[in-house]
Each structure stands twice: as C-alpha cells, then as structure tokens.
Amino acid sequence: MHTLPIKLLLVVFSIPLLLSSGFSFAEQSFVDTKTGQPIKIESGLFNTEQAKKFMNTGENPYNGNAEAIATGKKHYQTYSCAQCHGAQAQGQTAGGLTGPRYNHSKTATDKGMFEIIWAGTNAGMSGKGKGVMDPSNHSNGLSPDDTLRLMAWIRSQGGAAK
C-alpha cells in the first residue's frame, strides 16, 4: 500500500486549516518597555485557559467579560493604580490609560499593555507582575490572569485594544 503519500497529503492540507482556525505555533515574547530587553515570565504562571490563550494570541480573552471586569476593577483599586491614573483610568498625576492618546503607543495593544503593567516604565511606574513588584517575594504581585482581568477593566473604561 502507498500510505506515505496519503499521510503527506493529510499533513499538507491540515496546516492551512490549523492556521485559519487561529491555532498558533509560537508563544508571545514580551519586551520590557524600560530596557527593550525580553521579559522572562515563568511559563507556569500562565496557568488558566485565558492566560494560555493570551500567551498564544497576544489578545486578552477577558475583554468585554463582566465578571473579569469586576475583578479587574478590584485589582485596580488594590494596587493603587487610581492614585496616579485616576479613578476611571482617565489620568491624574500620570497619563490616562484609555486612549486614544496613550503615553506609550504600545498600550493600544493588549500585549503592549500587559508588558507595561507587568514590568513598569521609565516614567516612574513600577512593575506589578509576580517576581517584579517584589523581587524578594515572588508570590507578591499580579499573576498573568490577574493582569488580564485588570486590563479588561481598563479597556471597559474606553479605548479598546487594536
């Protein structure tokens, strides 16, 4: 029998289907806004279905999710984001987070906003990610899932991701 050509045809025709279905072969690589260097985030921290989806697509699956937005608002308040960015993320002593005019253009994308929240900026915002916020205690700070929920709340205030 000639099973090799049949298997080869199956593989050749399966690849376009996988690509068109949104399947991704590569994980996101994150870049520190301050240094331009890669951000190393332990892959085990991407431990929810939504965080894994974000890792593959760079898009926040929580955008528009009412439950995630409510949790994100609590994170925004807990981490004192409002002190600088205002109660509705409109800007106060630091710039607004809702666009269309962002301090950092990369904030317009979910991946870019994640990088900024996780690792911070040169403008005085410290990183909030686990292991970044408090290097002496890696359990302090936001997990990737927490960060995505926080981002969903920010997006709900205006300025959807591009």
C-alpha atoms as a PDB file:
ATOM      1  CA  MET A   1       0.000   0.000   0.000  1.00  0.00           C
ATOM      2  CA  HIS A   2       1.006   3.599  -0.523  1.00  0.00           C
ATOM      3  CA  THR A   3       0.186   5.153   2.858  1.00  0.00           C
ATOM      4  CA  LEU A   4       3.035   7.659   2.803  1.00  0.00           C
ATOM      5  CA  PRO A   5       1.517   9.866   0.054  1.00  0.00           C
ATOM      6  CA  ILE A   6      -1.863   9.802   1.833  1.00  0.00           C
ATOM      7  CA  LYS A   7      -0.279  10.821   5.159  1.00  0.00           C
ATOM      8  CA  LEU A   8       1.686  13.541   3.411  1.00  0.00           C
ATOM      9  CA  LEU A   9      -1.489  14.893   1.792  1.00  0.00           C
ATOM     10  CA  LEU A  10      -3.243  14.905   5.173  1.00  0.00           C
ATOM     11  CA  VAL A  11      -0.425  16.919   6.726  1.00  0.00           C
ATOM     12  CA  VAL A  12      -0.230  19.348   3.802  1.00  0.00           C
ATOM     13  CA  PHE A  13      -3.976  20.033   3.888  1.00  0.00           C
ATOM     14  CA  SER A  14      -4.156  20.194   7.705  1.00  0.00           C
ATOM     15  CA  ILE A  15      -1.663  23.042   8.101  1.00  0.00           C
ATOM     16  CA  PRO A  16      -3.808  25.704   6.347  1.00  0.00           C
ATOM     17  CA  LEU A  17      -6.822  24.593   8.399  1.00  0.00           C
ATOM     18  CA  LEU A  18      -4.884  24.951  11.638  1.00  0.00           C
ATOM     19  CA  LEU A  19      -3.593  28.365  10.657  1.00  0.00           C
ATOM     20  CA  SER A  20      -7.012  29.650   9.610  1.00  0.00           C
ATOM     21  CA  SER A  21      -8.584  28.407  12.860  1.00  0.00           C
ATOM     22  CA  GLY A  22      -6.409  30.741  14.931  1.00  0.00           C
ATOM     23  CA  PHE A  23      -4.074  27.998  16.118  1.00  0.00           C
ATOM     24  CA  SER A  24      -0.661  29.389  16.965  1.00  0.00           C
ATOM     25  CA  PHE A  25       2.618  27.516  16.982  1.00  0.00           C
ATOM     26  CA  ALA A  26       4.546  30.222  18.824  1.00  0.00           C
ATOM     27  CA  GLU A  27       4.124  31.792  22.215  1.00  0.00           C
ATOM     28  CA  GLN A  28       4.304  35.540  22.713  1.00  0.00           C
ATOM     29  CA  SER A  29       7.617  37.079  23.620  1.00  0.00           C
ATOM     30  CA  PHE A  30       7.365  40.085  25.903  1.00  0.00           C
ATOM     31  CA  VAL A  31       9.606  43.169  25.835  1.00  0.00           C
ATOM     32  CA  ASP A  32      10.465  45.412  28.782  1.00  0.00           C
ATOM     33  CA  THR A  33       9.407  48.988  27.974  1.00  0.00           C
ATOM     34  CA  LYS A  34      12.273  50.387  30.079  1.00  0.00           C
ATOM     35  CA  THR A  35      15.142  48.410  28.598  1.00  0.00           C
ATOM     36  CA  GLY A  36      13.930  46.912  25.343  1.00  0.00           C
ATOM     37  CA  GLN A  37      15.123  43.554  26.662  1.00  0.00           C
ATOM     38  CA  PRO A  38      12.995  40.399  26.786  1.00  0.00           C
ATOM     39  CA  ILE A  39      10.841  39.939  29.879  1.00  0.00           C
ATOM     40  CA  LYS A  40      11.248  36.477  31.313  1.00  0.00           C
ATOM     41  CA  ILE A  41       7.974  35.250  32.787  1.00  0.00           C
ATOM     42  CA  GLU A  42       7.791  31.744  34.191  1.00  0.00           C
ATOM     43  CA  SER A  43       5.559  29.788  31.814  1.00  0.00           C
ATOM     44  CA  GLY A  44       3.876  28.044  34.778  1.00  0.00           C
ATOM     45  CA  LEU A  45       2.305  31.382  35.739  1.00  0.00           C
ATOM     46  CA  PHE A  46       0.154  31.175  32.582  1.00  0.00           C
ATOM     47  CA  ASN A  47      -1.984  28.589  34.346  1.00  0.00           C
ATOM     48  CA  THR A  48      -5.543  29.455  33.311  1.00  0.00           C
ATOM     49  CA  GLU A  49      -7.242  28.796  29.996  1.00  0.00           C
ATOM     50  CA  GLN A  50      -7.489  32.546  29.355  1.00  0.00           C
ATOM     51  CA  ALA A  51      -3.834  33.228  30.215  1.00  0.00           C
ATOM     52  CA  LYS A  52      -2.757  30.391  27.912  1.00  0.00           C
ATOM     53  CA  LYS A  53      -4.956  31.795  25.140  1.00  0.00           C
ATOM     54  CA  PHE A  54      -3.345  35.231  25.652  1.00  0.00           C
ATOM     55  CA  MET A  55       0.106  33.653  25.540  1.00  0.00           C
ATOM     56  CA  ASN A  56      -0.721  32.220  22.108  1.00  0.00           C
ATOM     57  CA  THR A  57      -2.558  35.176  20.585  1.00  0.00           C
ATOM     58  CA  GLY A  58      -1.481  38.349  22.409  1.00  0.00           C
ATOM     59  CA  GLU A  59      -5.177  39.256  22.699  1.00  0.00           C
ATOM     60  CA  ASN A  60      -6.990  39.496  26.025  1.00  0.00           C
ATOM     61  CA  PRO A  61      -9.829  36.947  26.102  1.00  0.00           C
ATOM     62  CA  TYR A  62     -11.338  38.775  29.105  1.00  0.00           C
ATOM     63  CA  ASN A  63     -12.134  41.975  27.159  1.00  0.00           C
ATOM     64  CA  GLY A  64     -15.888  42.501  27.486  1.00  0.00           C
ATOM     65  CA  ASN A  65     -16.314  39.795  30.185  1.00  0.00           C
ATOM     66  CA  ALA A  66     -18.374  41.370  33.011  1.00  0.00           C
ATOM     67  CA  GLU A  67     -17.058  39.059  35.743  1.00  0.00           C
ATOM     68  CA  ALA A  68     -13.426  39.641  34.742  1.00  0.00           C
ATOM     69  CA  ILE A  69     -14.025  43.400  34.523  1.00  0.00           C
ATOM     70  CA  ALA A  70     -15.422  43.449  38.084  1.00  0.00           C
ATOM     71  CA  THR A  71     -12.380  41.547  39.365  1.00  0.00           C
ATOM     72  CA  GLY A  72     -10.080  43.801  37.340  1.00  0.00           C
ATOM     73  CA  LYS A  73     -11.581  46.877  38.991  1.00  0.00           C
ATOM     74  CA  LYS A  74     -10.745  45.382  42.411  1.00  0.00           C
ATOM     75  CA  HIS A  75      -7.147  44.833  41.268  1.00  0.00           C
ATOM     76  CA  TYR A  76      -7.007  48.432  40.004  1.00  0.00           C
ATOM     77  CA  GLN A  77      -8.067  49.628  43.455  1.00  0.00           C
ATOM     78  CA  THR A  78      -5.932  47.154  45.442  1.00  0.00           C
ATOM     79  CA  TYR A  79      -2.728  48.057  43.609  1.00  0.00           C
ATOM     80  CA  SER A  80      -3.422  51.805  43.994  1.00  0.00           C
ATOM     81  CA  CYS A  81      -3.483  52.418  40.238  1.00  0.00           C
ATOM     82  CA  ALA A  82      -6.057  55.186  40.776  1.00  0.00           C
ATOM     83  CA  GLN A  83      -3.547  57.231  42.801  1.00  0.00           C
ATOM     84  CA  CYS A  84      -1.725  58.124  39.602  1.00  0.00           C
ATOM     85  CA  HIS A  85      -4.038  57.131  36.755  1.00  0.00           C
ATOM     86  CA  GLY A  86      -7.334  58.390  38.228  1.00  0.00           C
ATOM     87  CA  ALA A  87     -10.440  56.573  39.425  1.00  0.00           C
ATOM     88  CA  GLN A  88     -11.630  55.820  35.887  1.00  0.00           C
ATOM     89  CA  ALA A  89      -8.152  55.412  34.342  1.00  0.00           C
ATOM     90  CA  GLN A  90      -8.583  58.861  32.763  1.00  0.00           C
ATOM     91  CA  GLY A  91      -5.267  60.203  34.043  1.00  0.00           C
ATOM     92  CA  GLN A  92      -4.291  62.210  37.089  1.00  0.00           C
ATOM     93  CA  THR A  93      -0.626  62.666  38.038  1.00  0.00           C
ATOM     94  CA  ALA A  94       0.188  60.033  35.410  1.00  0.00           C
ATOM     95  CA  GLY A  95      -1.309  59.742  31.960  1.00  0.00           C
ATOM     96  CA  GLY A  96      -4.661  58.193  31.183  1.00  0.00           C
ATOM     97  CA  LEU A  97      -4.862  54.549  30.211  1.00  0.00           C
ATOM     98  CA  THR A  98      -7.897  54.667  27.974  1.00  0.00           C
ATOM     99  CA  GLY A  99      -6.625  56.315  24.808  1.00  0.00           C
ATOM    100  CA  PRO A 100      -6.834  57.313  22.108  1.00  0.00           C
ATOM    101  CA  ARG A 101      -3.729  59.254  23.244  1.00  0.00           C
ATOM    102  CA  TYR A 102      -1.537  56.890  25.233  1.00  0.00           C
ATOM    103  CA  ASN A 103       1.740  57.736  26.985  1.00  0.00           C
ATOM    104  CA  HIS A 104       3.173  54.628  25.351  1.00  0.00           C
ATOM    105  CA  SER A 105       1.785  53.717  21.929  1.00  0.00           C
ATOM    106  CA  LYS A 106       2.177  50.029  22.730  1.00  0.00           C
ATOM    107  CA  THR A 107      -0.635  50.425  25.304  1.00  0.00           C
ATOM    108  CA  ALA A 108      -3.043  50.376  22.348  1.00  0.00           C
ATOM    109  CA  THR A 109      -2.473  46.609  22.049  1.00  0.00           C
ATOM    110  CA  ASP A 110      -3.234  44.035  24.727  1.00  0.00           C
ATOM    111  CA  LYS A 111       0.284  42.632  24.504  1.00  0.00           C
ATOM    112  CA  GLY A 112       1.788  46.095  24.948  1.00  0.00           C
ATOM    113  CA  MET A 113      -0.453  46.978  27.891  1.00  0.00           C
ATOM    114  CA  PHE A 114       0.452  43.648  29.516  1.00  0.00           C
ATOM    115  CA  GLU A 115       4.180  44.394  29.125  1.00  0.00           C
ATOM    116  CA  ILE A 116       3.797  47.813  30.748  1.00  0.00           C
ATOM    117  CA  ILE A 117       1.743  46.589  33.709  1.00  0.00           C
ATOM    118  CA  TRP A 118       3.966  43.553  34.231  1.00  0.00           C
ATOM    119  CA  ALA A 119       7.378  45.267  34.062  1.00  0.00           C
ATOM    120  CA  GLY A 120       6.713  49.018  34.501  1.00  0.00           C
ATOM    121  CA  THR A 121       8.018  52.073  32.640  1.00  0.00           C
ATOM    122  CA  ASN A 122      10.798  54.643  32.784  1.00  0.00           C
ATOM    123  CA  ALA A 123       8.195  57.243  33.767  1.00  0.00           C
ATOM    124  CA  GLY A 124       8.069  56.013  37.356  1.00  0.00           C
ATOM    125  CA  MET A 125       5.543  53.201  37.217  1.00  0.00           C
ATOM    126  CA  SER A 126       6.895  50.114  38.883  1.00  0.00           C
ATOM    127  CA  GLY A 127       6.098  46.684  37.506  1.00  0.00           C
ATOM    128  CA  LYS A 128       3.215  44.844  39.110  1.00  0.00           C
ATOM    129  CA  GLY A 129       3.959  41.308  37.907  1.00  0.00           C
ATOM    130  CA  LYS A 130       4.872  38.424  40.209  1.00  0.00           C
ATOM    131  CA  GLY A 131       8.597  38.495  40.878  1.00  0.00           C
ATOM    132  CA  VAL A 132       8.882  42.045  39.502  1.00  0.00           C
ATOM    133  CA  MET A 133       6.876  44.004  42.045  1.00  0.00           C
ATOM    134  CA  ASP A 134       8.756  42.425  44.955  1.00  0.00           C
ATOM    135  CA  PRO A 135      11.873  40.502  43.856  1.00  0.00           C
ATOM    136  CA  SER A 136      12.369  39.272  47.424  1.00  0.00           C
ATOM    137  CA  ASN A 137       8.968  37.537  47.440  1.00  0.00           C
ATOM    138  CA  HIS A 138       7.854  36.103  44.115  1.00  0.00           C
ATOM    139  CA  SER A 139       4.326  35.470  45.393  1.00  0.00           C
ATOM    140  CA  ASN A 140       3.686  39.240  45.613  1.00  0.00           C
ATOM    141  CA  GLY A 141       2.263  40.937  42.564  1.00  0.00           C
ATOM    142  CA  LEU A 142      -0.219  40.188  39.838  1.00  0.00           C
ATOM    143  CA  SER A 143      -0.366  36.851  38.046  1.00  0.00           C
ATOM    144  CA  PRO A 144      -0.819  36.915  34.265  1.00  0.00           C
ATOM    145  CA  ASP A 145      -4.511  36.103  34.779  1.00  0.00           C
ATOM    146  CA  ASP A 146      -4.887  38.956  37.311  1.00  0.00           C
ATOM    147  CA  THR A 147      -3.145  41.298  34.870  1.00  0.00           C
ATOM    148  CA  LEU A 148      -5.520  40.327  32.062  1.00  0.00           C
ATOM    149  CA  ARG A 149      -8.539  40.988  34.301  1.00  0.00           C
ATOM    150  CA  LEU A 150      -7.103  44.381  35.277  1.00  0.00           C
ATOM    151  CA  MET A 151      -6.581  45.167  31.602  1.00  0.00           C
ATOM    152  CA  ALA A 152     -10.191  44.172  30.822  1.00  0.00           C
ATOM    153  CA  TRP A 153     -11.396  46.731  33.373  1.00  0.00           C
ATOM    154  CA  ILE A 154      -9.145  49.426  31.864  1.00  0.00           C
ATOM    155  CA  ARG A 155     -10.420  48.620  28.361  1.00  0.00           C
ATOM    156  CA  SER A 156     -14.012  48.802  29.653  1.00  0.00           C
ATOM    157  CA  GLN A 157     -13.375  52.452  30.534  1.00  0.00           C
ATOM    158  CA  GLY A 158     -12.782  53.281  26.859  1.00  0.00           C
ATOM    159  CA  GLY A 159     -10.064  52.747  24.292  1.00  0.00           C
ATOM    160  CA  ALA A 160     -10.461  49.157  23.090  1.00  0.00           C
ATOM    161  CA  ALA A 161      -7.371  47.259  22.031  1.00  0.00           C
ATOM    162  CA  LYS A 162      -6.254  47.429  18.415  1.00  0.00           C
END
